[in-house]
Amino acid sequence: MSYFLVKVHCPHCQTPKVKKNGVNGNGQQNFYCKDCRKQFQFVYKYQGANPRIKKQVCEMAMRGNGIRDTANILKMSSVTVILVLRLWFKTHHEPCFEGTYERVIIDEM
């Protein structure tokens, strides 16, 4: 029997300072990041929990992709896409545009 070692990096902060942190219900190995103190898995069975996929969902939403389009491309449920976007929008607020403007230019073609 042969073994091979894989260097595991935290998907949240990209640091190699991780340690094993038990096994979840699916039998997947959990890891714990010593820097950002978050738990993650090396291979995710459920793609909605993968932080890399969550980041992709947010980037696709910012580029104007629809919810169904994002769900089809990333092979996940549209409900999961909505939940990821809800959580992301709670932490990212729109900039405040209060005040008056001296001049406004409107281009209609």
N, C-alpha and C. Protein backbone atom coordinates (compact mmCIF):
# COMPACT_ATOMS: atom_id res chain seq x y z
N MET A 1 0.85 -1.17 0.00
CA MET A 1 0.00 0.00 0.00
C MET A 1 0.90 1.24 0.00
N SER A 2 0.54 2.21 -0.84
CA SER A 2 1.36 3.41 -0.91
C SER A 2 0.54 4.63 -0.46
N TYR A 3 1.22 5.57 0.14
CA TYR A 3 0.58 6.80 0.60
C TYR A 3 1.23 7.98 -0.08
N PHE A 4 0.47 9.05 -0.20
CA PHE A 4 1.05 10.28 -0.70
C PHE A 4 0.52 11.44 0.16
N LEU A 5 1.35 12.43 0.36
CA LEU A 5 1.00 13.56 1.21
C LEU A 5 0.56 14.74 0.34
N VAL A 6 -0.44 15.43 0.79
CA VAL A 6 -0.96 16.60 0.09
C VAL A 6 -0.88 17.79 1.05
N LYS A 7 -0.32 18.89 0.59
CA LYS A 7 -0.24 20.10 1.41
C LYS A 7 -1.60 20.79 1.37
N VAL A 8 -2.24 20.93 2.52
CA VAL A 8 -3.58 21.50 2.61
C VAL A 8 -3.46 22.97 3.00
N HIS A 9 -4.13 23.84 2.23
CA HIS A 9 -4.18 25.27 2.52
C HIS A 9 -5.61 25.65 2.87
N CYS A 10 -5.77 26.63 3.73
CA CYS A 10 -7.09 27.12 4.10
C CYS A 10 -7.72 27.84 2.91
N PRO A 11 -8.96 27.49 2.53
CA PRO A 11 -9.60 28.17 1.40
C PRO A 11 -10.04 29.60 1.73
N HIS A 12 -10.07 29.95 3.01
CA HIS A 12 -10.50 31.30 3.41
C HIS A 12 -9.34 32.29 3.38
N CYS A 13 -8.20 31.90 3.97
CA CYS A 13 -7.07 32.84 4.07
C CYS A 13 -5.81 32.34 3.37
N GLN A 14 -5.85 31.17 2.75
CA GLN A 14 -4.76 30.60 1.96
C GLN A 14 -3.49 30.31 2.77
N THR A 15 -3.59 30.15 4.06
CA THR A 15 -2.42 29.83 4.87
C THR A 15 -2.25 28.31 5.00
N PRO A 16 -1.01 27.83 5.08
CA PRO A 16 -0.80 26.38 5.26
C PRO A 16 -0.86 25.94 6.73
N LYS A 17 -1.16 26.84 7.65
CA LYS A 17 -1.19 26.51 9.08
C LYS A 17 -2.53 25.88 9.43
N VAL A 18 -2.71 24.61 9.09
CA VAL A 18 -3.95 23.89 9.37
C VAL A 18 -3.64 22.62 10.13
N LYS A 19 -4.64 22.12 10.85
CA LYS A 19 -4.51 20.84 11.54
C LYS A 19 -5.78 20.04 11.34
N LYS A 20 -5.69 18.75 11.52
CA LYS A 20 -6.86 17.89 11.41
C LYS A 20 -7.79 18.18 12.58
N ASN A 21 -9.10 18.09 12.29
CA ASN A 21 -10.08 18.42 13.33
C ASN A 21 -11.25 17.44 13.30
N GLY A 22 -10.95 16.17 13.29
CA GLY A 22 -12.00 15.15 13.36
C GLY A 22 -12.59 14.81 12.00
N VAL A 23 -13.68 14.06 12.05
CA VAL A 23 -14.35 13.59 10.84
C VAL A 23 -15.83 13.97 10.94
N ASN A 24 -16.43 14.42 9.83
CA ASN A 24 -17.85 14.79 9.85
C ASN A 24 -18.71 13.55 9.66
N GLY A 25 -20.02 13.74 9.56
CA GLY A 25 -20.96 12.63 9.44
C GLY A 25 -20.83 11.84 8.15
N ASN A 26 -20.31 12.48 7.08
CA ASN A 26 -20.13 11.79 5.81
C ASN A 26 -18.83 11.00 5.74
N GLY A 27 -18.01 11.09 6.77
CA GLY A 27 -16.73 10.41 6.76
C GLY A 27 -15.61 11.24 6.18
N GLN A 28 -15.87 12.51 5.86
CA GLN A 28 -14.85 13.38 5.30
C GLN A 28 -14.00 13.98 6.43
N GLN A 29 -12.71 14.14 6.18
CA GLN A 29 -11.80 14.72 7.16
C GLN A 29 -12.03 16.22 7.27
N ASN A 30 -12.19 16.72 8.51
CA ASN A 30 -12.30 18.15 8.76
C ASN A 30 -10.93 18.70 9.10
N PHE A 31 -10.68 19.95 8.70
CA PHE A 31 -9.45 20.64 9.02
C PHE A 31 -9.79 21.94 9.72
N TYR A 32 -8.84 22.44 10.53
CA TYR A 32 -9.03 23.67 11.29
C TYR A 32 -7.87 24.61 10.98
N CYS A 33 -8.19 25.85 10.59
CA CYS A 33 -7.16 26.84 10.29
C CYS A 33 -6.77 27.54 11.58
N LYS A 34 -5.48 27.59 11.86
CA LYS A 34 -5.00 28.23 13.08
C LYS A 34 -5.00 29.75 12.97
N ASP A 35 -4.98 30.29 11.76
CA ASP A 35 -4.95 31.75 11.60
C ASP A 35 -6.36 32.36 11.64
N CYS A 36 -7.26 31.90 10.76
CA CYS A 36 -8.60 32.50 10.71
C CYS A 36 -9.60 31.75 11.58
N ARG A 37 -9.19 30.64 12.18
CA ARG A 37 -10.01 29.84 13.11
C ARG A 37 -11.31 29.34 12.49
N LYS A 38 -11.22 28.93 11.23
CA LYS A 38 -12.39 28.37 10.56
C LYS A 38 -12.14 26.90 10.24
N GLN A 39 -13.22 26.14 10.24
CA GLN A 39 -13.15 24.72 9.92
C GLN A 39 -13.55 24.52 8.47
N PHE A 40 -12.88 23.61 7.79
CA PHE A 40 -13.19 23.34 6.39
C PHE A 40 -12.84 21.90 6.07
N GLN A 41 -13.23 21.47 4.87
CA GLN A 41 -12.93 20.12 4.38
C GLN A 41 -12.05 20.23 3.16
N PHE A 42 -11.26 19.22 2.90
CA PHE A 42 -10.41 19.22 1.71
C PHE A 42 -11.24 18.96 0.46
N VAL A 43 -12.17 18.00 0.55
CA VAL A 43 -13.08 17.69 -0.54
C VAL A 43 -14.50 17.80 0.00
N TYR A 44 -15.33 18.61 -0.67
CA TYR A 44 -16.70 18.81 -0.23
C TYR A 44 -17.64 17.92 -1.03
N LYS A 45 -18.50 17.19 -0.30
CA LYS A 45 -19.52 16.39 -0.97
C LYS A 45 -20.67 17.30 -1.39
N TYR A 46 -21.01 18.28 -0.54
CA TYR A 46 -22.08 19.23 -0.82
C TYR A 46 -21.43 20.54 -1.28
N GLN A 47 -21.60 20.90 -2.55
CA GLN A 47 -20.92 22.06 -3.13
C GLN A 47 -21.38 23.39 -2.55
N GLY A 48 -22.56 23.44 -1.97
CA GLY A 48 -23.05 24.68 -1.38
C GLY A 48 -22.26 25.11 -0.15
N ALA A 49 -21.51 24.20 0.46
CA ALA A 49 -20.71 24.53 1.63
C ALA A 49 -19.28 24.90 1.27
N ASN A 50 -18.89 24.72 0.05
CA ASN A 50 -17.52 24.99 -0.38
C ASN A 50 -17.29 26.50 -0.48
N PRO A 51 -16.33 27.06 0.27
CA PRO A 51 -16.10 28.50 0.22
C PRO A 51 -15.64 29.00 -1.15
N ARG A 52 -14.95 28.17 -1.90
CA ARG A 52 -14.53 28.59 -3.25
C ARG A 52 -15.73 28.74 -4.18
N ILE A 53 -16.69 27.84 -4.05
CA ILE A 53 -17.89 27.92 -4.87
C ILE A 53 -18.73 29.13 -4.44
N LYS A 54 -18.79 29.39 -3.14
CA LYS A 54 -19.52 30.56 -2.65
C LYS A 54 -18.93 31.85 -3.22
N LYS A 55 -17.63 31.90 -3.28
CA LYS A 55 -16.96 33.07 -3.85
C LYS A 55 -17.29 33.21 -5.33
N GLN A 56 -17.34 32.09 -6.03
CA GLN A 56 -17.69 32.10 -7.45
C GLN A 56 -19.12 32.58 -7.67
N VAL A 57 -20.03 32.18 -6.79
CA VAL A 57 -21.43 32.61 -6.89
C VAL A 57 -21.50 34.13 -6.78
N CYS A 58 -20.79 34.70 -5.82
CA CYS A 58 -20.81 36.16 -5.62
C CYS A 58 -20.18 36.89 -6.80
N GLU A 59 -19.09 36.34 -7.35
CA GLU A 59 -18.45 36.98 -8.50
C GLU A 59 -19.37 36.93 -9.73
N MET A 60 -20.07 35.82 -9.91
CA MET A 60 -20.98 35.70 -11.05
C MET A 60 -22.16 36.65 -10.90
N ALA A 61 -22.63 36.85 -9.67
CA ALA A 61 -23.73 37.79 -9.44
C ALA A 61 -23.28 39.22 -9.74
N MET A 62 -22.06 39.56 -9.38
CA MET A 62 -21.55 40.91 -9.63
C MET A 62 -21.35 41.16 -11.13
N ARG A 63 -21.15 40.11 -11.90
CA ARG A 63 -20.97 40.24 -13.35
C ARG A 63 -22.30 40.19 -14.10
N GLY A 64 -23.40 40.02 -13.36
CA GLY A 64 -24.71 40.09 -13.99
C GLY A 64 -25.31 38.76 -14.37
N ASN A 65 -24.75 37.65 -13.94
CA ASN A 65 -25.35 36.36 -14.23
C ASN A 65 -26.59 36.16 -13.36
N GLY A 66 -27.59 35.51 -13.91
CA GLY A 66 -28.81 35.25 -13.17
C GLY A 66 -28.65 34.09 -12.21
N ILE A 67 -29.67 33.92 -11.36
CA ILE A 67 -29.62 32.87 -10.35
C ILE A 67 -29.68 31.49 -10.99
N ARG A 68 -30.58 31.29 -11.94
CA ARG A 68 -30.70 29.98 -12.59
C ARG A 68 -29.45 29.66 -13.41
N ASP A 69 -28.92 30.67 -14.08
CA ASP A 69 -27.70 30.48 -14.87
C ASP A 69 -26.54 30.06 -13.98
N THR A 70 -26.39 30.75 -12.85
CA THR A 70 -25.33 30.41 -11.89
C THR A 70 -25.52 29.01 -11.35
N ALA A 71 -26.76 28.65 -11.02
CA ALA A 71 -27.04 27.32 -10.49
C ALA A 71 -26.72 26.24 -11.51
N ASN A 72 -27.05 26.46 -12.78
CA ASN A 72 -26.76 25.46 -13.81
C ASN A 72 -25.27 25.32 -14.07
N ILE A 73 -24.56 26.42 -14.10
CA ILE A 73 -23.12 26.36 -14.38
C ILE A 73 -22.36 25.67 -13.25
N LEU A 74 -22.71 26.01 -12.00
CA LEU A 74 -21.99 25.46 -10.85
C LEU A 74 -22.57 24.15 -10.34
N LYS A 75 -23.62 23.63 -11.00
CA LYS A 75 -24.25 22.35 -10.64
C LYS A 75 -24.73 22.34 -9.19
N MET A 76 -25.52 23.36 -8.84
CA MET A 76 -26.08 23.42 -7.50
C MET A 76 -27.52 23.94 -7.60
N SER A 77 -28.23 23.91 -6.51
CA SER A 77 -29.62 24.33 -6.48
C SER A 77 -29.72 25.84 -6.54
N SER A 78 -30.79 26.34 -7.18
CA SER A 78 -31.00 27.78 -7.22
C SER A 78 -31.32 28.34 -5.83
N VAL A 79 -31.92 27.52 -4.98
CA VAL A 79 -32.18 27.94 -3.60
C VAL A 79 -30.87 28.16 -2.85
N THR A 80 -29.89 27.31 -3.10
CA THR A 80 -28.58 27.47 -2.48
C THR A 80 -27.92 28.75 -2.97
N VAL A 81 -28.04 29.05 -4.24
CA VAL A 81 -27.47 30.29 -4.79
C VAL A 81 -28.10 31.50 -4.10
N ILE A 82 -29.42 31.47 -3.92
CA ILE A 82 -30.11 32.58 -3.26
C ILE A 82 -29.63 32.72 -1.82
N LEU A 83 -29.48 31.61 -1.10
CA LEU A 83 -29.02 31.68 0.28
C LEU A 83 -27.60 32.23 0.39
N VAL A 84 -26.73 31.82 -0.52
CA VAL A 84 -25.35 32.33 -0.52
C VAL A 84 -25.35 33.83 -0.78
N LEU A 85 -26.15 34.27 -1.74
CA LEU A 85 -26.20 35.70 -2.05
C LEU A 85 -26.82 36.51 -0.92
N ARG A 86 -27.81 35.96 -0.24
CA ARG A 86 -28.40 36.66 0.91
C ARG A 86 -27.36 36.90 2.00
N LEU A 87 -26.61 35.87 2.32
CA LEU A 87 -25.58 36.01 3.35
C LEU A 87 -24.50 36.98 2.92
N TRP A 88 -24.15 36.95 1.65
CA TRP A 88 -23.09 37.82 1.15
C TRP A 88 -23.54 39.28 1.16
N PHE A 89 -24.80 39.54 0.76
CA PHE A 89 -25.29 40.92 0.72
C PHE A 89 -25.49 41.50 2.12
N LYS A 90 -25.68 40.65 3.12
CA LYS A 90 -25.78 41.15 4.50
C LYS A 90 -24.46 41.74 4.98
N THR A 91 -23.35 41.20 4.50
CA THR A 91 -22.04 41.68 4.94
C THR A 91 -21.48 42.78 4.06
N HIS A 92 -22.00 42.96 2.86
CA HIS A 92 -21.51 43.98 1.94
C HIS A 92 -22.62 45.00 1.68
N HIS A 93 -22.40 46.21 2.16
CA HIS A 93 -23.41 47.26 2.00
C HIS A 93 -23.08 48.12 0.79
N GLU A 94 -24.12 48.68 0.20
CA GLU A 94 -23.93 49.59 -0.93
C GLU A 94 -23.35 50.90 -0.44
N PRO A 95 -22.56 51.58 -1.27
CA PRO A 95 -22.03 52.88 -0.85
C PRO A 95 -23.15 53.92 -0.77
N CYS A 96 -22.96 54.86 0.11
CA CYS A 96 -23.96 55.90 0.32
C CYS A 96 -23.77 57.01 -0.71
N PHE A 97 -24.84 57.37 -1.43
CA PHE A 97 -24.78 58.42 -2.44
C PHE A 97 -25.63 59.62 -2.03
N GLU A 98 -25.59 59.99 -0.78
CA GLU A 98 -26.38 61.12 -0.32
C GLU A 98 -25.68 62.42 -0.68
N GLY A 99 -26.46 63.47 -0.86
CA GLY A 99 -25.90 64.78 -1.16
C GLY A 99 -26.49 65.34 -2.42
N THR A 100 -25.99 66.48 -2.83
CA THR A 100 -26.46 67.13 -4.04
C THR A 100 -25.37 67.11 -5.09
N TYR A 101 -25.79 67.20 -6.32
CA TYR A 101 -24.86 67.20 -7.44
C TYR A 101 -24.97 68.53 -8.18
N GLU A 102 -23.84 69.05 -8.63
CA GLU A 102 -23.85 70.29 -9.38
C GLU A 102 -24.43 70.09 -10.78
N ARG A 103 -24.07 68.98 -11.38
CA ARG A 103 -24.48 68.74 -12.76
C ARG A 103 -24.62 67.24 -12.99
N VAL A 104 -25.65 66.84 -13.73
CA VAL A 104 -25.88 65.44 -14.05
C VAL A 104 -25.98 65.31 -15.55
N ILE A 105 -25.25 64.34 -16.13
CA ILE A 105 -25.31 64.08 -17.56
C ILE A 105 -25.99 62.75 -17.77
N ILE A 106 -27.03 62.73 -18.59
CA ILE A 106 -27.77 61.51 -18.90
C ILE A 106 -27.57 61.21 -20.38
N ASP A 107 -27.09 60.00 -20.65
CA ASP A 107 -26.85 59.58 -22.03
C ASP A 107 -27.90 58.54 -22.40
N GLU A 108 -28.75 58.87 -23.32
CA GLU A 108 -29.83 57.97 -23.75
C GLU A 108 -29.59 57.40 -25.13
N MET A 109 -28.42 57.20 -25.57
CA MET A 109 -27.97 56.64 -26.84
C MET A 109 -27.13 57.59 -27.56
